[in-house]
Amino acid sequence: MPKGLRYFLTRFIGALITMLVGTVVVFFVMKAAPGDPALVVLGDFATPETIAKFNSDQGLDQPELVQYFNWLAGIVQFDFGTSLSVSQGEDIGALIAYRLPSTFFIGIYALTIAICLALVLGTLAATRRGTLVDTSATSLAVLGVSMPDFWLGYMLILGLSIGMGWFPSYGFVQPSTSILGALHSGFLPALAIAAPMAAVFTRTLRTSLIENLDRDHVRVARSFGQTGRFTFLHHVFRNSIIPFIVVIGLQVRYLLGGVVIIERIFGINGIGSLMVEAAFARDYYVVQACAVVFLGVVLTVNFAVDLICASLDPRRAR
């Protein structure tokens, strides 16, 4: 078997195993959570007969392992069941499909802002090491890491929305309605999520660039008369981008966590806000479905990062 194909299959099987373990954790953690789904739907004054009928209809009277495998079989077929209380009786897959574009848009928007800021600040800090530019970029990175996204979100609302009136403080225009409207209304929530990530990306890129700038092969390239720009792009930046991409993949977990909070603050009708609503309403099926979707996104991104890094550095696939 070719080494590249073996690397691909190894990573893919690892992602599937992680996904399976994740579904076990999600299901049984929700089972251990306090509260009875029957009482959530039927009310506290429901009779034992009514509760027993509800549990029978929902399959909740079966052993937990049977419930898990039935739920897993539905997940494999993209059947997440029906909502208990958030949108009673509605298909959860339809709920997620409706809200997914908003979450994806904000997440990609935030990631784009973070990467652009990091590429500029990290490169400037590394190429002007020890100067005022380096100190300023490093200080901004430390400041960004120290600011929680929810606090930054409120500060952005106070300054750029209420104070300046440049952006809306609440609500979001769907991308399907207007791309420009989505870019405008989604800028503050995306920036609140992006700032801490950009700080991590900047520090990672700066460290990697400085390390590669001092490599022997870079000095040799300069001694051969290669221009500074050519040397930087082909011998420094290309080797430095691999750990940068790895950190981006790792930060997707933070990105999704930030989306859950930021969507509530800015009134974005996405999966994050759906998950919070379902948690407060004790709609366990919806919470489980949202958690599985988030887990799937994280594993998919990490898998893609592994493949990108292997293509940039074939030694990883050996």
Protein backbone atom coordinates (compact mmCIF):
# COMPACT_ATOMS: atom_id res chain seq x y z
CA MET A 1 0.00 0.00 0.00
CA PRO A 2 1.39 3.46 -0.89
CA LYS A 3 2.53 5.44 2.14
CA GLY A 4 0.29 8.40 1.26
CA LEU A 5 -2.80 6.19 1.08
CA ARG A 6 -1.86 4.46 4.33
CA TYR A 7 -1.49 7.85 6.03
CA PHE A 8 -4.91 8.92 4.70
CA LEU A 9 -6.62 5.73 5.87
CA THR A 10 -4.94 5.90 9.28
CA ARG A 11 -6.13 9.44 9.85
CA PHE A 12 -9.60 8.68 8.52
CA ILE A 13 -10.06 5.61 10.72
CA GLY A 14 -8.76 7.56 13.71
CA ALA A 15 -11.33 10.29 13.05
CA LEU A 16 -14.13 7.70 12.84
CA ILE A 17 -13.07 6.10 16.12
CA THR A 18 -12.93 9.51 17.81
CA MET A 19 -16.38 10.30 16.44
CA LEU A 20 -17.75 7.04 17.82
CA VAL A 21 -16.23 7.68 21.26
CA GLY A 22 -17.63 11.21 21.14
CA THR A 23 -21.16 9.96 20.50
CA VAL A 24 -20.86 7.63 23.51
CA VAL A 25 -19.72 10.50 25.74
CA VAL A 26 -22.42 12.88 24.46
CA PHE A 27 -25.24 10.35 24.84
CA PHE A 28 -24.42 9.11 28.33
CA VAL A 29 -23.53 12.57 29.69
CA MET A 30 -26.98 13.77 28.60
CA LYS A 31 -28.52 10.68 30.20
CA ALA A 32 -26.78 11.55 33.46
CA ALA A 33 -28.07 15.13 33.35
CA PRO A 34 -30.83 15.96 35.87
CA GLY A 35 -34.42 16.20 34.72
CA ASP A 36 -36.97 13.97 33.04
CA PRO A 37 -37.80 14.58 29.36
CA ALA A 38 -41.35 13.36 29.97
CA LEU A 39 -41.94 15.99 32.66
CA VAL A 40 -40.43 18.68 30.42
CA VAL A 41 -42.95 17.93 27.69
CA LEU A 42 -45.99 16.87 29.73
CA GLY A 43 -45.56 19.12 32.75
CA ASP A 44 -45.04 18.41 36.43
CA PHE A 45 -48.62 17.29 36.95
CA ALA A 46 -48.56 14.50 34.35
CA THR A 47 -49.97 11.19 35.53
CA PRO A 48 -47.78 8.08 35.74
CA GLU A 49 -49.81 6.51 32.91
CA THR A 50 -49.19 9.50 30.65
CA ILE A 51 -45.47 9.49 31.47
CA ALA A 52 -45.25 5.74 30.80
CA LYS A 53 -46.96 6.17 27.41
CA PHE A 54 -44.63 9.03 26.48
CA ASN A 55 -41.53 7.03 27.43
CA SER A 56 -42.83 4.08 25.41
CA ASP A 57 -43.51 6.24 22.35
CA GLN A 58 -40.04 7.81 22.55
CA GLY A 59 -38.27 4.53 23.31
CA LEU A 60 -37.10 5.85 26.68
CA ASP A 61 -38.32 2.77 28.51
CA GLN A 62 -35.72 0.60 26.79
CA PRO A 63 -32.26 -0.17 28.25
CA GLU A 64 -29.81 2.68 27.76
CA LEU A 65 -27.53 0.65 25.48
CA VAL A 66 -30.48 -0.11 23.21
CA GLN A 67 -31.41 3.58 23.21
CA TYR A 68 -27.83 4.50 22.32
CA PHE A 69 -27.61 2.10 19.38
CA ASN A 70 -31.01 3.21 18.10
CA TRP A 71 -29.90 6.84 18.33
CA LEU A 72 -26.55 6.04 16.68
CA ALA A 73 -28.32 4.23 13.83
CA GLY A 74 -30.39 7.36 13.27
CA ILE A 75 -27.28 9.59 13.34
CA VAL A 76 -25.62 7.45 10.67
CA GLN A 77 -28.68 8.07 8.46
CA PHE A 78 -28.70 11.80 9.40
CA ASP A 79 -31.89 11.26 11.39
CA PHE A 80 -31.52 13.17 14.67
CA GLY A 81 -35.07 12.53 15.86
CA THR A 82 -37.69 15.11 16.80
CA SER A 83 -37.51 18.04 19.20
CA LEU A 84 -39.13 17.60 22.59
CA SER A 85 -39.62 21.18 23.74
CA VAL A 86 -37.65 23.80 21.77
CA SER A 87 -39.74 23.19 18.67
CA GLN A 88 -41.99 20.39 19.79
CA GLY A 89 -42.45 17.63 17.23
CA GLU A 90 -40.25 19.26 14.56
CA ASP A 91 -37.50 17.30 12.90
CA ILE A 92 -34.14 18.17 14.50
CA GLY A 93 -32.30 17.74 11.21
CA ALA A 94 -34.49 20.45 9.68
CA LEU A 95 -33.81 22.75 12.64
CA ILE A 96 -30.05 22.28 12.28
CA ALA A 97 -30.14 22.67 8.50
CA TYR A 98 -31.98 25.99 8.89
CA ARG A 99 -29.55 27.38 11.45
CA LEU A 100 -26.31 25.90 10.14
CA PRO A 101 -25.60 28.55 7.44
CA SER A 102 -25.56 31.38 10.00
CA THR A 103 -23.13 29.54 12.27
CA PHE A 104 -20.86 28.55 9.38
CA PHE A 105 -20.86 32.10 8.04
CA ILE A 106 -19.89 33.64 11.39
CA GLY A 107 -17.28 30.95 12.00
CA ILE A 108 -15.63 31.31 8.58
CA TYR A 109 -15.87 35.12 8.85
CA ALA A 110 -14.11 35.05 12.23
CA LEU A 111 -11.47 32.60 11.04
CA THR A 112 -10.75 34.75 7.96
CA ILE A 113 -10.31 37.87 10.08
CA ALA A 114 -8.04 36.02 12.53
CA ILE A 115 -5.83 34.55 9.79
CA CYS A 116 -5.47 37.87 7.94
CA LEU A 117 -4.55 39.73 11.13
CA ALA A 118 -2.08 37.03 12.15
CA LEU A 119 -0.36 36.90 8.77
CA VAL A 120 0.21 40.66 8.82
CA LEU A 121 1.15 41.09 12.48
CA GLY A 122 3.15 37.86 12.77
CA THR A 123 5.20 38.59 9.64
CA LEU A 124 5.88 42.19 10.65
CA ALA A 125 6.90 41.14 14.16
CA ALA A 126 9.29 38.45 12.89
CA THR A 127 10.92 40.49 10.12
CA ARG A 128 11.34 43.51 12.41
CA ARG A 129 12.40 41.62 15.50
CA GLY A 130 13.36 43.79 18.46
CA THR A 131 11.85 46.98 17.00
CA LEU A 132 8.82 48.98 18.06
CA VAL A 133 6.74 47.12 15.45
CA ASP A 134 7.64 43.78 17.03
CA THR A 135 6.89 45.05 20.53
CA SER A 136 3.54 46.49 19.46
CA ALA A 137 2.44 43.33 17.62
CA THR A 138 3.50 41.11 20.53
CA SER A 139 1.70 43.34 23.03
CA LEU A 140 -1.47 43.23 20.95
CA ALA A 141 -1.22 39.45 20.85
CA VAL A 142 -0.89 39.22 24.64
CA LEU A 143 -3.83 41.62 25.02
CA GLY A 144 -5.94 39.56 22.62
CA VAL A 145 -5.26 36.31 24.46
CA SER A 146 -6.25 37.89 27.78
CA MET A 147 -9.65 39.15 26.57
CA PRO A 148 -12.60 36.72 26.83
CA ASP A 149 -14.73 36.75 23.71
CA PHE A 150 -17.98 37.48 25.57
CA TRP A 151 -16.42 40.51 27.31
CA LEU A 152 -14.97 41.74 24.04
CA GLY A 153 -18.38 41.29 22.42
CA TYR A 154 -20.01 43.61 24.94
CA MET A 155 -17.18 46.14 24.58
CA LEU A 156 -17.58 46.14 20.80
CA ILE A 157 -21.31 46.71 21.18
CA LEU A 158 -20.68 49.57 23.59
CA GLY A 159 -18.03 51.23 21.43
CA LEU A 160 -18.81 50.53 17.77
CA SER A 161 -22.56 50.00 17.96
CA ILE A 162 -24.04 52.14 20.74
CA GLY A 163 -21.19 54.68 20.74
CA MET A 164 -20.40 55.08 17.04
CA GLY A 165 -23.50 53.57 15.49
CA TRP A 166 -21.45 51.83 12.80
CA PHE A 167 -22.80 48.30 13.31
CA PRO A 168 -26.02 46.79 14.67
CA SER A 169 -25.89 45.64 18.29
CA TYR A 170 -28.38 42.80 17.88
CA GLY A 171 -29.70 40.65 15.06
CA PHE A 172 -28.16 39.14 11.97
CA VAL A 173 -29.00 39.26 8.27
CA GLN A 174 -28.98 35.78 6.75
CA PRO A 175 -26.34 35.26 4.01
CA SER A 176 -29.10 33.94 1.75
CA THR A 177 -30.88 37.29 2.10
CA SER A 178 -27.92 39.60 1.56
CA ILE A 179 -24.19 38.86 1.58
CA LEU A 180 -23.35 42.52 2.23
CA GLY A 181 -25.92 42.63 5.01
CA ALA A 182 -24.46 39.48 6.54
CA LEU A 183 -20.92 40.91 6.34
CA HIS A 184 -22.06 44.14 8.00
CA SER A 185 -24.27 42.67 10.73
CA GLY A 186 -21.84 39.81 11.40
CA PHE A 187 -18.69 41.89 11.70
CA LEU A 188 -18.87 42.55 15.46
CA PRO A 189 -19.59 38.94 16.48
CA ALA A 190 -16.95 37.67 14.06
CA LEU A 191 -14.39 40.16 15.41
CA ALA A 192 -15.19 39.18 19.02
CA ILE A 193 -14.42 35.56 18.19
CA ALA A 194 -11.47 36.37 15.92
CA ALA A 195 -9.45 38.61 18.24
CA PRO A 196 -8.31 35.94 20.77
CA MET A 197 -7.65 33.48 17.94
CA ALA A 198 -5.65 36.06 15.98
CA ALA A 199 -3.47 36.59 19.05
CA VAL A 200 -2.63 32.87 19.24
CA PHE A 201 -2.02 32.68 15.50
CA THR A 202 0.25 35.75 15.57
CA ARG A 203 2.46 34.42 18.34
CA THR A 204 2.73 31.02 16.67
CA LEU A 205 3.63 32.48 13.27
CA ARG A 206 6.15 34.93 14.75
CA THR A 207 7.94 32.17 16.67
CA SER A 208 8.01 29.87 13.65
CA LEU A 209 9.27 32.59 11.30
CA ILE A 210 12.05 33.65 13.65
CA GLU A 211 13.14 30.04 14.05
CA ASN A 212 13.33 29.53 10.29
CA LEU A 213 14.97 32.89 9.60
CA ASP A 214 18.02 31.68 11.53
CA ARG A 215 18.32 28.35 9.71
CA ASP A 216 21.55 27.51 7.89
CA HIS A 217 19.85 26.89 4.55
CA VAL A 218 18.42 30.43 4.66
CA ARG A 219 21.89 31.88 5.13
CA VAL A 220 23.14 29.75 2.25
CA ALA A 221 20.31 30.96 0.02
CA ARG A 222 21.23 34.57 0.80
CA SER A 223 24.89 33.89 0.10
CA PHE A 224 23.92 32.65 -3.37
CA GLY A 225 22.50 36.08 -4.11
CA GLN A 226 18.79 35.25 -3.87
CA THR A 227 16.60 38.26 -3.15
CA GLY A 228 15.21 38.78 0.31
CA ARG A 229 11.61 38.36 -0.86
CA PHE A 230 12.34 35.11 -2.72
CA THR A 231 14.28 33.70 0.22
CA PHE A 232 11.54 34.64 2.66
CA LEU A 233 8.70 33.16 0.62
CA HIS A 234 10.39 29.96 -0.52
CA HIS A 235 12.70 29.09 2.35
CA VAL A 236 11.21 30.73 5.44
CA PHE A 237 7.48 31.25 5.06
CA ARG A 238 6.73 27.87 3.47
CA ASN A 239 8.41 26.00 6.33
CA SER A 240 6.81 28.26 8.93
CA ILE A 241 3.27 27.86 7.65
CA ILE A 242 2.95 24.21 8.77
CA PRO A 243 2.76 24.86 12.55
CA PHE A 244 0.57 27.87 11.74
CA ILE A 245 -1.94 25.62 9.95
CA VAL A 246 -1.80 23.08 12.79
CA VAL A 247 -2.70 25.75 15.32
CA ILE A 248 -5.60 26.90 13.12
CA GLY A 249 -6.99 23.37 13.21
CA LEU A 250 -6.63 23.18 16.97
CA GLN A 251 -8.34 26.53 17.46
CA VAL A 252 -11.51 25.38 15.70
CA ARG A 253 -12.63 23.94 19.04
CA TYR A 254 -12.29 27.39 20.59
CA LEU A 255 -14.08 28.87 17.58
CA LEU A 256 -17.14 26.68 18.09
CA GLY A 257 -17.17 27.39 21.81
CA GLY A 258 -17.06 31.10 21.08
CA VAL A 259 -19.89 30.77 18.56
CA VAL A 260 -22.18 29.29 21.23
CA ILE A 261 -21.70 32.35 23.48
CA ILE A 262 -21.48 35.06 20.84
CA GLU A 263 -24.64 33.93 19.04
CA ARG A 264 -26.60 34.47 22.24
CA ILE A 265 -25.09 37.90 22.83
CA PHE A 266 -25.73 39.20 19.30
CA GLY A 267 -29.02 37.40 18.67
CA ILE A 268 -27.77 35.20 15.84
CA ASN A 269 -30.13 32.38 14.94
CA GLY A 270 -27.48 29.68 14.65
CA ILE A 271 -26.68 26.25 16.05
CA GLY A 272 -24.91 27.73 19.07
CA SER A 273 -28.01 29.61 20.21
CA LEU A 274 -30.14 26.55 19.41
CA MET A 275 -27.94 24.44 21.68
CA VAL A 276 -28.27 26.93 24.55
CA GLU A 277 -32.05 27.15 24.11
CA ALA A 278 -32.30 23.37 24.09
CA ALA A 279 -30.16 23.07 27.24
CA PHE A 280 -32.40 25.49 29.14
CA ALA A 281 -35.52 23.74 27.83
CA ARG A 282 -34.13 20.26 28.72
CA ASP A 283 -34.47 19.21 25.09
CA TYR A 284 -31.85 16.49 25.28
CA TYR A 285 -32.23 15.26 21.72
CA VAL A 286 -31.47 18.70 20.30
CA VAL A 287 -28.45 19.19 22.59
CA GLN A 288 -27.08 15.77 21.56
CA ALA A 289 -27.57 16.54 17.87
CA CYS A 290 -25.83 19.93 18.13
CA ALA A 291 -22.93 18.41 20.07
CA VAL A 292 -22.49 15.69 17.42
CA VAL A 293 -22.53 18.29 14.63
CA PHE A 294 -19.87 20.36 16.42
CA LEU A 295 -17.77 17.24 16.98
CA GLY A 296 -18.09 16.33 13.31
CA VAL A 297 -16.95 19.80 12.25
CA VAL A 298 -13.89 19.68 14.54
CA LEU A 299 -12.84 16.23 13.33
CA THR A 300 -13.37 17.18 9.68
CA VAL A 301 -11.24 20.31 10.03
CA ASN A 302 -8.48 18.45 11.88
CA PHE A 303 -8.52 15.73 9.23
CA ALA A 304 -8.22 18.36 6.49
CA VAL A 305 -5.35 20.03 8.39
CA ASP A 306 -3.50 16.70 8.58
CA LEU A 307 -3.82 16.25 4.82
CA ILE A 308 -2.72 19.83 4.07
CA CYS A 309 0.34 19.50 6.33
CA ALA A 310 1.21 16.15 4.73
CA SER A 311 1.06 17.76 1.29
CA LEU A 312 3.32 20.61 2.42
CA ASP A 313 5.74 18.27 4.18
CA PRO A 314 5.66 14.75 2.65
CA ARG A 315 7.82 13.46 5.51
CA ARG A 316 4.70 13.49 7.71
CA ALA A 317 3.07 10.80 5.55
CA ARG A 318 5.95 8.37 5.90
